[in-house]
Amino acid sequence: MYIVPVAWLYVTLMMAVAEATNSNGTVLGGIVTFVLYGVLPVALVIYLMRAPARRKAIRAREAATCATNSGKPDTGCHTATTAEGDAVAPVREKE
């Protein structure tokens, strides 16, 4: 799963080394190249790739919380639904 990000970091590291060792390049330019072309895009890609796993973990955590609170009344783990499965709107009081 992580082979492409690791390969891209290797490529950008080689780009940064080439920039830093070039006669017209600087070490700061190599660092900026590595950060802007390598670290930031790879961090974004990995964050987006991990989104489904994070969402699944959140759902599992919520399910575990509801399971531990199942004996307590009014914990609010489930929404009220009609026979058709539609959510029931809350009743508003008239002023």
C-alpha atoms as a PDB file:
ATOM      1  CA  MET A   1       0.000   0.000   0.000  1.00  0.00           C
ATOM      2  CA  TYR A   2       2.864   2.344   0.767  1.00  0.00           C
ATOM      3  CA  ILE A   3       5.194   1.373  -2.100  1.00  0.00           C
ATOM      4  CA  VAL A   4       4.195   4.289  -4.339  1.00  0.00           C
ATOM      5  CA  PRO A   5       4.608   6.980  -1.629  1.00  0.00           C
ATOM      6  CA  VAL A   6       7.989   5.537  -0.632  1.00  0.00           C
ATOM      7  CA  ALA A   7       9.103   5.461  -4.265  1.00  0.00           C
ATOM      8  CA  TRP A   8       7.944   9.054  -4.777  1.00  0.00           C
ATOM      9  CA  LEU A   9       9.853  10.166  -1.670  1.00  0.00           C
ATOM     10  CA  TYR A  10      12.961   8.471  -3.079  1.00  0.00           C
ATOM     11  CA  VAL A  11      12.546  10.293  -6.403  1.00  0.00           C
ATOM     12  CA  THR A  12      12.070  13.663  -4.710  1.00  0.00           C
ATOM     13  CA  LEU A  13      15.041  12.989  -2.422  1.00  0.00           C
ATOM     14  CA  MET A  14      17.199  12.395  -5.505  1.00  0.00           C
ATOM     15  CA  MET A  15      15.807  15.609  -7.035  1.00  0.00           C
ATOM     16  CA  ALA A  16      16.710  17.483  -3.850  1.00  0.00           C
ATOM     17  CA  VAL A  17      20.234  16.039  -3.783  1.00  0.00           C
ATOM     18  CA  ALA A  18      20.736  16.972  -7.427  1.00  0.00           C
ATOM     19  CA  GLU A  19      19.544  20.497  -6.701  1.00  0.00           C
ATOM     20  CA  ALA A  20      21.752  20.859  -3.628  1.00  0.00           C
ATOM     21  CA  THR A  21      24.899  19.561  -5.345  1.00  0.00           C
ATOM     22  CA  ASN A  22      24.427  21.494  -8.590  1.00  0.00           C
ATOM     23  CA  SER A  23      26.804  24.396  -9.092  1.00  0.00           C
ATOM     24  CA  ASN A  24      23.860  26.815  -9.392  1.00  0.00           C
ATOM     25  CA  GLY A  25      21.753  25.139  -6.679  1.00  0.00           C
ATOM     26  CA  THR A  26      21.665  25.597  -2.932  1.00  0.00           C
ATOM     27  CA  VAL A  27      21.004  23.353   0.041  1.00  0.00           C
ATOM     28  CA  LEU A  28      17.961  25.468   0.890  1.00  0.00           C
ATOM     29  CA  GLY A  29      16.633  24.888  -2.624  1.00  0.00           C
ATOM     30  CA  GLY A  30      17.104  21.142  -2.142  1.00  0.00           C
ATOM     31  CA  ILE A  31      15.228  21.213   1.142  1.00  0.00           C
ATOM     32  CA  VAL A  32      12.382  23.245  -0.359  1.00  0.00           C
ATOM     33  CA  THR A  33      12.234  20.862  -3.328  1.00  0.00           C
ATOM     34  CA  PHE A  34      12.012  17.841  -1.042  1.00  0.00           C
ATOM     35  CA  VAL A  35       9.344  19.380   1.185  1.00  0.00           C
ATOM     36  CA  LEU A  36       7.153  20.869  -1.553  1.00  0.00           C
ATOM     37  CA  TYR A  37       7.449  18.046  -4.103  1.00  0.00           C
ATOM     38  CA  GLY A  38       7.804  15.136  -1.701  1.00  0.00           C
ATOM     39  CA  VAL A  39       6.670  15.452   1.882  1.00  0.00           C
ATOM     40  CA  LEU A  40       3.526  17.567   1.480  1.00  0.00           C
ATOM     41  CA  PRO A  41       1.982  15.650  -1.456  1.00  0.00           C
ATOM     42  CA  VAL A  42       2.794  12.269   0.100  1.00  0.00           C
ATOM     43  CA  ALA A  43       1.320  13.345   3.436  1.00  0.00           C
ATOM     44  CA  LEU A  44      -1.864  14.446   1.660  1.00  0.00           C
ATOM     45  CA  VAL A  45      -2.124  11.191  -0.313  1.00  0.00           C
ATOM     46  CA  ILE A  46      -1.597   9.048   2.772  1.00  0.00           C
ATOM     47  CA  TYR A  47      -4.155  11.103   4.724  1.00  0.00           C
ATOM     48  CA  LEU A  48      -6.712  10.582   1.950  1.00  0.00           C
ATOM     49  CA  MET A  49      -5.878   6.871   1.643  1.00  0.00           C
ATOM     50  CA  ARG A  50      -6.447   6.377   5.372  1.00  0.00           C
ATOM     51  CA  ALA A  51      -9.855   8.153   5.401  1.00  0.00           C
ATOM     52  CA  PRO A  52     -11.960   4.969   5.060  1.00  0.00           C
ATOM     53  CA  ALA A  53     -10.034   3.298   7.887  1.00  0.00           C
ATOM     54  CA  ARG A  54     -10.508   6.338  10.133  1.00  0.00           C
ATOM     55  CA  ARG A  55     -14.230   6.411   9.344  1.00  0.00           C
ATOM     56  CA  LYS A  56     -14.504   2.693  10.137  1.00  0.00           C
ATOM     57  CA  ALA A  57     -12.675   3.160  13.445  1.00  0.00           C
ATOM     58  CA  ILE A  58     -14.996   6.035  14.419  1.00  0.00           C
ATOM     59  CA  ARG A  59     -18.062   3.898  13.668  1.00  0.00           C
ATOM     60  CA  ALA A  60     -16.628   1.006  15.681  1.00  0.00           C
ATOM     61  CA  ARG A  61     -15.881   3.324  18.603  1.00  0.00           C
ATOM     62  CA  GLU A  62     -19.428   4.712  18.499  1.00  0.00           C
ATOM     63  CA  ALA A  63     -20.891   1.200  18.337  1.00  0.00           C
ATOM     64  CA  ALA A  64     -18.790   0.163  21.330  1.00  0.00           C
ATOM     65  CA  THR A  65     -19.960   3.229  23.248  1.00  0.00           C
ATOM     66  CA  CYS A  66     -23.596   2.445  22.496  1.00  0.00           C
ATOM     67  CA  ALA A  67     -23.086  -1.187  23.468  1.00  0.00           C
ATOM     68  CA  THR A  68     -21.679  -0.228  26.865  1.00  0.00           C
ATOM     69  CA  ASN A  69     -24.514   2.250  27.451  1.00  0.00           C
ATOM     70  CA  SER A  70     -27.255  -0.132  26.303  1.00  0.00           C
ATOM     71  CA  GLY A  71     -28.451  -0.821  29.849  1.00  0.00           C
ATOM     72  CA  LYS A  72     -28.853   2.858  30.660  1.00  0.00           C
ATOM     73  CA  PRO A  73     -32.038   4.641  29.637  1.00  0.00           C
ATOM     74  CA  ASP A  74     -32.015   7.672  27.336  1.00  0.00           C
ATOM     75  CA  THR A  75     -28.422   7.340  26.133  1.00  0.00           C
ATOM     76  CA  GLY A  76     -29.378   8.552  22.664  1.00  0.00           C
ATOM     77  CA  CYS A  77     -27.500   5.980  20.601  1.00  0.00           C
ATOM     78  CA  HIS A  78     -30.257   5.459  18.048  1.00  0.00           C
ATOM     79  CA  THR A  79     -32.509   7.869  16.202  1.00  0.00           C
ATOM     80  CA  ALA A  80     -36.249   7.393  16.110  1.00  0.00           C
ATOM     81  CA  THR A  81     -37.565   6.110  12.791  1.00  0.00           C
ATOM     82  CA  THR A  82     -40.959   5.460  11.254  1.00  0.00           C
ATOM     83  CA  ALA A  83     -42.125   2.116   9.913  1.00  0.00           C
ATOM     84  CA  GLU A  84     -40.782   3.119   6.477  1.00  0.00           C
ATOM     85  CA  GLY A  85     -37.331   3.803   7.932  1.00  0.00           C
ATOM     86  CA  ASP A  86     -37.525   7.598   7.665  1.00  0.00           C
ATOM     87  CA  ALA A  87     -36.202   9.657  10.532  1.00  0.00           C
ATOM     88  CA  VAL A  88     -38.870  11.133  12.776  1.00  0.00           C
ATOM     89  CA  ALA A  89     -38.695  14.899  13.008  1.00  0.00           C
ATOM     90  CA  PRO A  90     -38.632  16.322  16.536  1.00  0.00           C
ATOM     91  CA  VAL A  91     -41.869  17.886  17.748  1.00  0.00           C
ATOM     92  CA  ARG A  92     -41.642  21.630  18.195  1.00  0.00           C
ATOM     93  CA  GLU A  93     -43.559  23.438  20.873  1.00  0.00           C
ATOM     94  CA  LYS A  94     -45.843  26.261  19.802  1.00  0.00           C
ATOM     95  CA  GLU A  95     -45.080  29.642  21.237  1.00  0.00           C
END
